[in-house]
Structure formats: C-alpha cells, structure tokens
C-alpha cells in the first residue's frame, strides 16, 4: 500500500484522537493532551501489542513528547494555523479548545477504550502528579532527548515478557508487509 496514503491516514487519525480527548475532557493544556495520547498508545500497546498511532515519542524535560504533535502545536500556536488550524484553537498560550467533534470513523472500539483509560488515568491529575507518573525509570534512562521504542513504551506501562514478544512479532510482521 502507498506509504503516503498510510501517512495521511495516521495524520488524520491523530487529529481525531486529539479531538476525541478534547470533546471528552473539555479545554486542556496541550502538555496534558500530549500525555493522554502517549498513555493511550501505551494502553493499546499493552493489550494488543500495537500502538494506536504511528507517533514517535522523545524524552524531554516534561516527560514523553509526541514529536509531530509538539512541533505542529508550537508552530500553529500563535496563529491557529497549520495542520490543526480550523479544528483546534488556543484559549491562551497553553490551553486548546476543540472546534468540532471527533470523526469516530477513524477510531476503533479498542482505540476508544485505550483513549478512555488514558483520560481516566490523567484527567484529574495536576502537572506535578503527571510528571511523577511519567518520569519513570524508562524516562530517566532515555532523558534527555532520546527516542522511545515500542519496547520502551511497553516497559513504561509494566509490560510482561509475553507482551514484549508479541510486540517484537508484530514489528517483524509489519516490516514484512511494508
């Protein structure tokens, strides 16, 4: 399958995930939004040995950061433009507001379950509590600025050996199918 088509699909899926979170939680700061996306990927990885996005995460000062989301949010922050323009706006320097409902055609039932668990896990936590949760041993090993592998994300969630084997097997299968 054309990798450009797959890339465009995942770009739209990430937008719909972010909108879904904003629709459920209301206006939140983009750091918390990014942490919810990370936790949703981690939740799905632990259950299905696959993340729900194709995002790459990096260990930065405030924890795991999805590079694409961070880059696009900071680029569009001052003008409400870029790939998130028209679907999200900034209430202030950090808080984002959804401009439409999420298109649930992009999200499977298991995606929604993983996202909902991430929302429940983080929505009532303040920034210090979120950092305490996500500045785990994996983060400390990767910080500063190293990228998380799928195994790192799974380890952060407490994966067992069986899950690691399934992740490895899925990665090999995906490589063969690419």
C-alpha atoms as a PDB file:
ATOM      1  CA  UNK A   1       0.000   0.000   0.000  1.00  0.00           C
ATOM      2  CA  UNK A   2       1.184   3.521  -0.744  1.00  0.00           C
ATOM      3  CA  UNK A   3       3.055   4.856   2.292  1.00  0.00           C
ATOM      4  CA  UNK A   4       1.785   8.393   1.540  1.00  0.00           C
ATOM      5  CA  UNK A   5      -1.806   7.166   1.957  1.00  0.00           C
ATOM      6  CA  UNK A   6      -0.932   5.455   5.231  1.00  0.00           C
ATOM      7  CA  UNK A   7       0.886   8.559   6.462  1.00  0.00           C
ATOM      8  CA  UNK A   8      -2.117  10.772   5.637  1.00  0.00           C
ATOM      9  CA  UNK A   9      -4.477   8.325   7.346  1.00  0.00           C
ATOM     10  CA  UNK A  10      -2.435   8.344  10.565  1.00  0.00           C
ATOM     11  CA  UNK A  11      -2.114  12.136  10.471  1.00  0.00           C
ATOM     12  CA  UNK A  12      -5.909  12.394  10.348  1.00  0.00           C
ATOM     13  CA  UNK A  13      -6.307   9.687  12.980  1.00  0.00           C
ATOM     14  CA  UNK A  14      -4.067  11.607  15.390  1.00  0.00           C
ATOM     15  CA  UNK A  15      -6.198  14.718  14.832  1.00  0.00           C
ATOM     16  CA  UNK A  16      -9.347  12.721  15.600  1.00  0.00           C
ATOM     17  CA  UNK A  17      -7.758  11.231  18.740  1.00  0.00           C
ATOM     18  CA  UNK A  18      -6.870  14.711  19.966  1.00  0.00           C
ATOM     19  CA  UNK A  19     -10.380  15.968  19.201  1.00  0.00           C
ATOM     20  CA  UNK A  20     -11.913  12.955  20.930  1.00  0.00           C
ATOM     21  CA  UNK A  21      -9.902  13.739  24.073  1.00  0.00           C
ATOM     22  CA  UNK A  22     -10.826  17.427  23.939  1.00  0.00           C
ATOM     23  CA  UNK A  23     -14.504  16.559  23.378  1.00  0.00           C
ATOM     24  CA  UNK A  24     -14.494  14.288  26.445  1.00  0.00           C
ATOM     25  CA  UNK A  25     -12.356  16.402  28.766  1.00  0.00           C
ATOM     26  CA  UNK A  26     -13.003  19.951  27.578  1.00  0.00           C
ATOM     27  CA  UNK A  27     -10.343  22.595  27.127  1.00  0.00           C
ATOM     28  CA  UNK A  28      -6.969  21.404  28.457  1.00  0.00           C
ATOM     29  CA  UNK A  29      -3.354  22.421  28.102  1.00  0.00           C
ATOM     30  CA  UNK A  30      -1.528  20.824  25.246  1.00  0.00           C
ATOM     31  CA  UNK A  31       1.030  19.166  27.527  1.00  0.00           C
ATOM     32  CA  UNK A  32      -1.728  17.174  29.234  1.00  0.00           C
ATOM     33  CA  UNK A  33      -3.232  16.390  25.831  1.00  0.00           C
ATOM     34  CA  UNK A  34       0.109  15.010  24.619  1.00  0.00           C
ATOM     35  CA  UNK A  35       0.471  12.896  27.769  1.00  0.00           C
ATOM     36  CA  UNK A  36      -3.015  11.452  27.223  1.00  0.00           C
ATOM     37  CA  UNK A  37      -2.072  10.495  23.657  1.00  0.00           C
ATOM     38  CA  UNK A  38       1.110   8.807  24.966  1.00  0.00           C
ATOM     39  CA  UNK A  39      -0.866   6.901  27.599  1.00  0.00           C
ATOM     40  CA  UNK A  40      -3.474   5.856  25.002  1.00  0.00           C
ATOM     41  CA  UNK A  41      -0.710   4.459  22.781  1.00  0.00           C
ATOM     42  CA  UNK A  42       0.819   2.722  25.796  1.00  0.00           C
ATOM     43  CA  UNK A  43      -2.539   1.266  26.879  1.00  0.00           C
ATOM     44  CA  UNK A  44      -3.198  -0.201  23.452  1.00  0.00           C
ATOM     45  CA  UNK A  45       0.363  -1.491  23.189  1.00  0.00           C
ATOM     46  CA  UNK A  46      -0.027  -3.379  26.461  1.00  0.00           C
ATOM     47  CA  UNK A  47      -3.274  -5.046  25.354  1.00  0.00           C
ATOM     48  CA  UNK A  48      -2.825  -5.512  21.594  1.00  0.00           C
ATOM     49  CA  UNK A  49       0.971  -5.182  21.135  1.00  0.00           C
ATOM     50  CA  UNK A  50       0.349  -2.252  18.757  1.00  0.00           C
ATOM     51  CA  UNK A  51       0.060   1.480  19.451  1.00  0.00           C
ATOM     52  CA  UNK A  52      -2.985   3.328  18.118  1.00  0.00           C
ATOM     53  CA  UNK A  53      -0.880   5.962  16.366  1.00  0.00           C
ATOM     54  CA  UNK A  54       2.357   5.960  14.417  1.00  0.00           C
ATOM     55  CA  UNK A  55       3.773   8.763  16.578  1.00  0.00           C
ATOM     56  CA  UNK A  56       7.363   8.793  17.748  1.00  0.00           C
ATOM     57  CA  UNK A  57       7.977   9.905  21.326  1.00  0.00           C
ATOM     58  CA  UNK A  58      11.030  11.617  22.742  1.00  0.00           C
ATOM     59  CA  UNK A  59      12.101  12.012  26.378  1.00  0.00           C
ATOM     60  CA  UNK A  60      12.028  15.748  27.067  1.00  0.00           C
ATOM     61  CA  UNK A  61      12.052  17.825  30.232  1.00  0.00           C
ATOM     62  CA  UNK A  62       8.347  17.306  30.953  1.00  0.00           C
ATOM     63  CA  UNK A  63       8.196  13.623  30.028  1.00  0.00           C
ATOM     64  CA  UNK A  64       7.441  11.691  26.836  1.00  0.00           C
ATOM     65  CA  UNK A  65       6.514  14.031  23.983  1.00  0.00           C
ATOM     66  CA  UNK A  66       4.985  13.039  20.633  1.00  0.00           C
ATOM     67  CA  UNK A  67       7.299  14.961  18.311  1.00  0.00           C
ATOM     68  CA  UNK A  68       4.825  15.575  15.481  1.00  0.00           C
ATOM     69  CA  UNK A  69       2.113  16.927  17.768  1.00  0.00           C
ATOM     70  CA  UNK A  70       4.553  19.120  19.688  1.00  0.00           C
ATOM     71  CA  UNK A  71       6.075  20.558  16.507  1.00  0.00           C
ATOM     72  CA  UNK A  72       2.723  21.327  14.917  1.00  0.00           C
ATOM     73  CA  UNK A  73       1.169  22.770  18.076  1.00  0.00           C
ATOM     74  CA  UNK A  74       4.083  25.080  18.753  1.00  0.00           C
ATOM     75  CA  UNK A  75       4.185  26.115  15.095  1.00  0.00           C
ATOM     76  CA  UNK A  76       0.483  26.916  14.915  1.00  0.00           C
ATOM     77  CA  UNK A  77       0.169  28.240  18.468  1.00  0.00           C
ATOM     78  CA  UNK A  78       0.367  31.925  17.673  1.00  0.00           C
ATOM     79  CA  UNK A  79      -1.749  31.901  14.514  1.00  0.00           C
ATOM     80  CA  UNK A  80      -4.195  28.982  14.917  1.00  0.00           C
ATOM     81  CA  UNK A  81      -2.946  27.729  11.568  1.00  0.00           C
ATOM     82  CA  UNK A  82      -1.011  24.679  10.409  1.00  0.00           C
ATOM     83  CA  UNK A  83      -2.433  21.167  10.382  1.00  0.00           C
ATOM     84  CA  UNK A  84      -4.539  21.838  13.494  1.00  0.00           C
ATOM     85  CA  UNK A  85      -5.930  25.166  12.277  1.00  0.00           C
ATOM     86  CA  UNK A  86      -9.698  25.050  11.934  1.00  0.00           C
ATOM     87  CA  UNK A  87     -10.125  22.070  14.231  1.00  0.00           C
ATOM     88  CA  UNK A  88      -8.471  23.383  17.407  1.00  0.00           C
ATOM     89  CA  UNK A  89      -7.828  26.866  18.716  1.00  0.00           C
ATOM     90  CA  UNK A  90      -5.784  28.236  21.579  1.00  0.00           C
ATOM     91  CA  UNK A  91      -7.678  29.716  24.514  1.00  0.00           C
ATOM     92  CA  UNK A  92      -4.369  31.071  25.872  1.00  0.00           C
ATOM     93  CA  UNK A  93      -0.693  30.165  25.474  1.00  0.00           C
ATOM     94  CA  UNK A  94      -1.249  26.565  26.541  1.00  0.00           C
ATOM     95  CA  UNK A  95      -4.937  25.644  26.608  1.00  0.00           C
ATOM     96  CA  UNK A  96      -6.526  24.137  23.492  1.00  0.00           C
ATOM     97  CA  UNK A  97     -10.199  24.133  22.533  1.00  0.00           C
ATOM     98  CA  UNK A  98     -11.786  21.708  20.029  1.00  0.00           C
ATOM     99  CA  UNK A  99     -13.623  23.417  17.180  1.00  0.00           C
ATOM    100  CA  UNK A 100     -15.537  20.300  16.127  1.00  0.00           C
ATOM    101  CA  UNK A 101     -16.487  16.817  17.231  1.00  0.00           C
ATOM    102  CA  UNK A 102     -14.094  13.960  16.522  1.00  0.00           C
ATOM    103  CA  UNK A 103     -14.826  11.826  13.474  1.00  0.00           C
ATOM    104  CA  UNK A 104     -15.227   8.441  15.150  1.00  0.00           C
ATOM    105  CA  UNK A 105     -14.860   6.645  11.807  1.00  0.00           C
ATOM    106  CA  UNK A 106     -11.103   6.912  12.378  1.00  0.00           C
ATOM    107  CA  UNK A 107     -11.235   5.270  15.816  1.00  0.00           C
ATOM    108  CA  UNK A 108     -11.887   1.609  16.516  1.00  0.00           C
ATOM    109  CA  UNK A 109     -13.637   0.367  19.626  1.00  0.00           C
ATOM    110  CA  UNK A 110     -10.285  -0.706  21.054  1.00  0.00           C
ATOM    111  CA  UNK A 111      -8.759   2.706  20.217  1.00  0.00           C
ATOM    112  CA  UNK A 112     -11.550   4.389  22.167  1.00  0.00           C
ATOM    113  CA  UNK A 113     -11.074   2.013  25.106  1.00  0.00           C
ATOM    114  CA  UNK A 114      -7.346   2.826  25.224  1.00  0.00           C
ATOM    115  CA  UNK A 115      -8.019   6.564  24.974  1.00  0.00           C
ATOM    116  CA  UNK A 116     -10.735   6.461  27.633  1.00  0.00           C
ATOM    117  CA  UNK A 117      -8.366   4.662  30.029  1.00  0.00           C
ATOM    118  CA  UNK A 118      -5.730   7.354  29.384  1.00  0.00           C
ATOM    119  CA  UNK A 119      -8.275  10.089  30.081  1.00  0.00           C
ATOM    120  CA  UNK A 120      -9.375   8.448  33.335  1.00  0.00           C
ATOM    121  CA  UNK A 121      -5.736   7.940  34.351  1.00  0.00           C
ATOM    122  CA  UNK A 122      -4.676  11.575  33.827  1.00  0.00           C
ATOM    123  CA  UNK A 123      -7.648  13.946  33.729  1.00  0.00           C
ATOM    124  CA  UNK A 124      -7.801  14.698  37.461  1.00  0.00           C
ATOM    125  CA  UNK A 125      -4.033  14.797  37.965  1.00  0.00           C
ATOM    126  CA  UNK A 126      -2.181  18.079  38.252  1.00  0.00           C
ATOM    127  CA  UNK A 127       1.052  18.706  36.385  1.00  0.00           C
ATOM    128  CA  UNK A 128       3.296  17.511  39.220  1.00  0.00           C
ATOM    129  CA  UNK A 129       1.338  14.253  39.548  1.00  0.00           C
ATOM    130  CA  UNK A 130       1.519  13.645  35.800  1.00  0.00           C
ATOM    131  CA  UNK A 131       5.276  14.143  35.802  1.00  0.00           C
ATOM    132  CA  UNK A 132       5.585  11.809  38.801  1.00  0.00           C
ATOM    133  CA  UNK A 133       3.669   9.134  36.865  1.00  0.00           C
ATOM    134  CA  UNK A 134       5.567   9.516  33.590  1.00  0.00           C
ATOM    135  CA  UNK A 135       9.069  10.284  34.873  1.00  0.00           C
ATOM    136  CA  UNK A 136       9.551   6.592  35.496  1.00  0.00           C
ATOM    137  CA  UNK A 137      12.716   4.523  35.160  1.00  0.00           C
ATOM    138  CA  UNK A 138      12.323   4.300  31.373  1.00  0.00           C
ATOM    139  CA  UNK A 139      12.089   8.074  31.089  1.00  0.00           C
ATOM    140  CA  UNK A 140      15.115   8.525  33.347  1.00  0.00           C
ATOM    141  CA  UNK A 141      17.122   6.141  31.166  1.00  0.00           C
ATOM    142  CA  UNK A 142      16.139   7.981  27.949  1.00  0.00           C
ATOM    143  CA  UNK A 143      16.270  11.582  29.151  1.00  0.00           C
ATOM    144  CA  UNK A 144      17.401  13.874  27.651  1.00  0.00           C
ATOM    145  CA  UNK A 145      16.146  13.710  24.083  1.00  0.00           C
ATOM    146  CA  UNK A 146      16.377  10.003  23.289  1.00  0.00           C
ATOM    147  CA  UNK A 147      13.505   8.401  21.427  1.00  0.00           C
ATOM    148  CA  UNK A 148      11.184   5.819  22.941  1.00  0.00           C
ATOM    149  CA  UNK A 149      10.995   2.468  21.159  1.00  0.00           C
ATOM    150  CA  UNK A 150       7.788   0.448  21.358  1.00  0.00           C
ATOM    151  CA  UNK A 151       9.540  -1.750  23.905  1.00  0.00           C
ATOM    152  CA  UNK A 152      10.377   1.349  25.988  1.00  0.00           C
ATOM    153  CA  UNK A 153       6.738   2.468  25.923  1.00  0.00           C
ATOM    154  CA  UNK A 154       5.581  -1.014  26.903  1.00  0.00           C
ATOM    155  CA  UNK A 155       8.151  -1.200  29.699  1.00  0.00           C
ATOM    156  CA  UNK A 156       6.894   2.149  30.974  1.00  0.00           C
ATOM    157  CA  UNK A 157       3.463   0.554  31.277  1.00  0.00           C
ATOM    158  CA  UNK A 158       4.738  -2.530  33.102  1.00  0.00           C
ATOM    159  CA  UNK A 159       4.615  -4.992  30.198  1.00  0.00           C
ATOM    160  CA  UNK A 160       5.403  -8.644  30.808  1.00  0.00           C
ATOM    161  CA  UNK A 161       7.653 -10.875  28.655  1.00  0.00           C
ATOM    162  CA  UNK A 162       4.714 -12.207  26.652  1.00  0.00           C
ATOM    163  CA  UNK A 163       3.759  -8.667  25.643  1.00  0.00           C
ATOM    164  CA  UNK A 164       7.337  -7.884  24.607  1.00  0.00           C
ATOM    165  CA  UNK A 165       7.376 -10.998  22.424  1.00  0.00           C
ATOM    166  CA  UNK A 166       4.068 -10.017  20.791  1.00  0.00           C
ATOM    167  CA  UNK A 167       5.382  -6.500  20.119  1.00  0.00           C
ATOM    168  CA  UNK A 168       8.523  -7.929  18.533  1.00  0.00           C
ATOM    169  CA  UNK A 169       6.487 -10.355  16.418  1.00  0.00           C
ATOM    170  CA  UNK A 170       4.119  -7.580  15.267  1.00  0.00           C
ATOM    171  CA  UNK A 171       7.068  -5.359  14.352  1.00  0.00           C
ATOM    172  CA  UNK A 172       8.570  -8.145  12.232  1.00  0.00           C
ATOM    173  CA  UNK A 173       5.228  -8.794  10.553  1.00  0.00           C
ATOM    174  CA  UNK A 174       4.699  -5.085   9.832  1.00  0.00           C
ATOM    175  CA  UNK A 175       8.186  -4.874   8.337  1.00  0.00           C
ATOM    176  CA  UNK A 176       7.471  -7.822   6.051  1.00  0.00           C
ATOM    177  CA  UNK A 177       4.174  -6.286   4.941  1.00  0.00           C
ATOM    178  CA  UNK A 178       5.644  -2.849   4.266  1.00  0.00           C
END
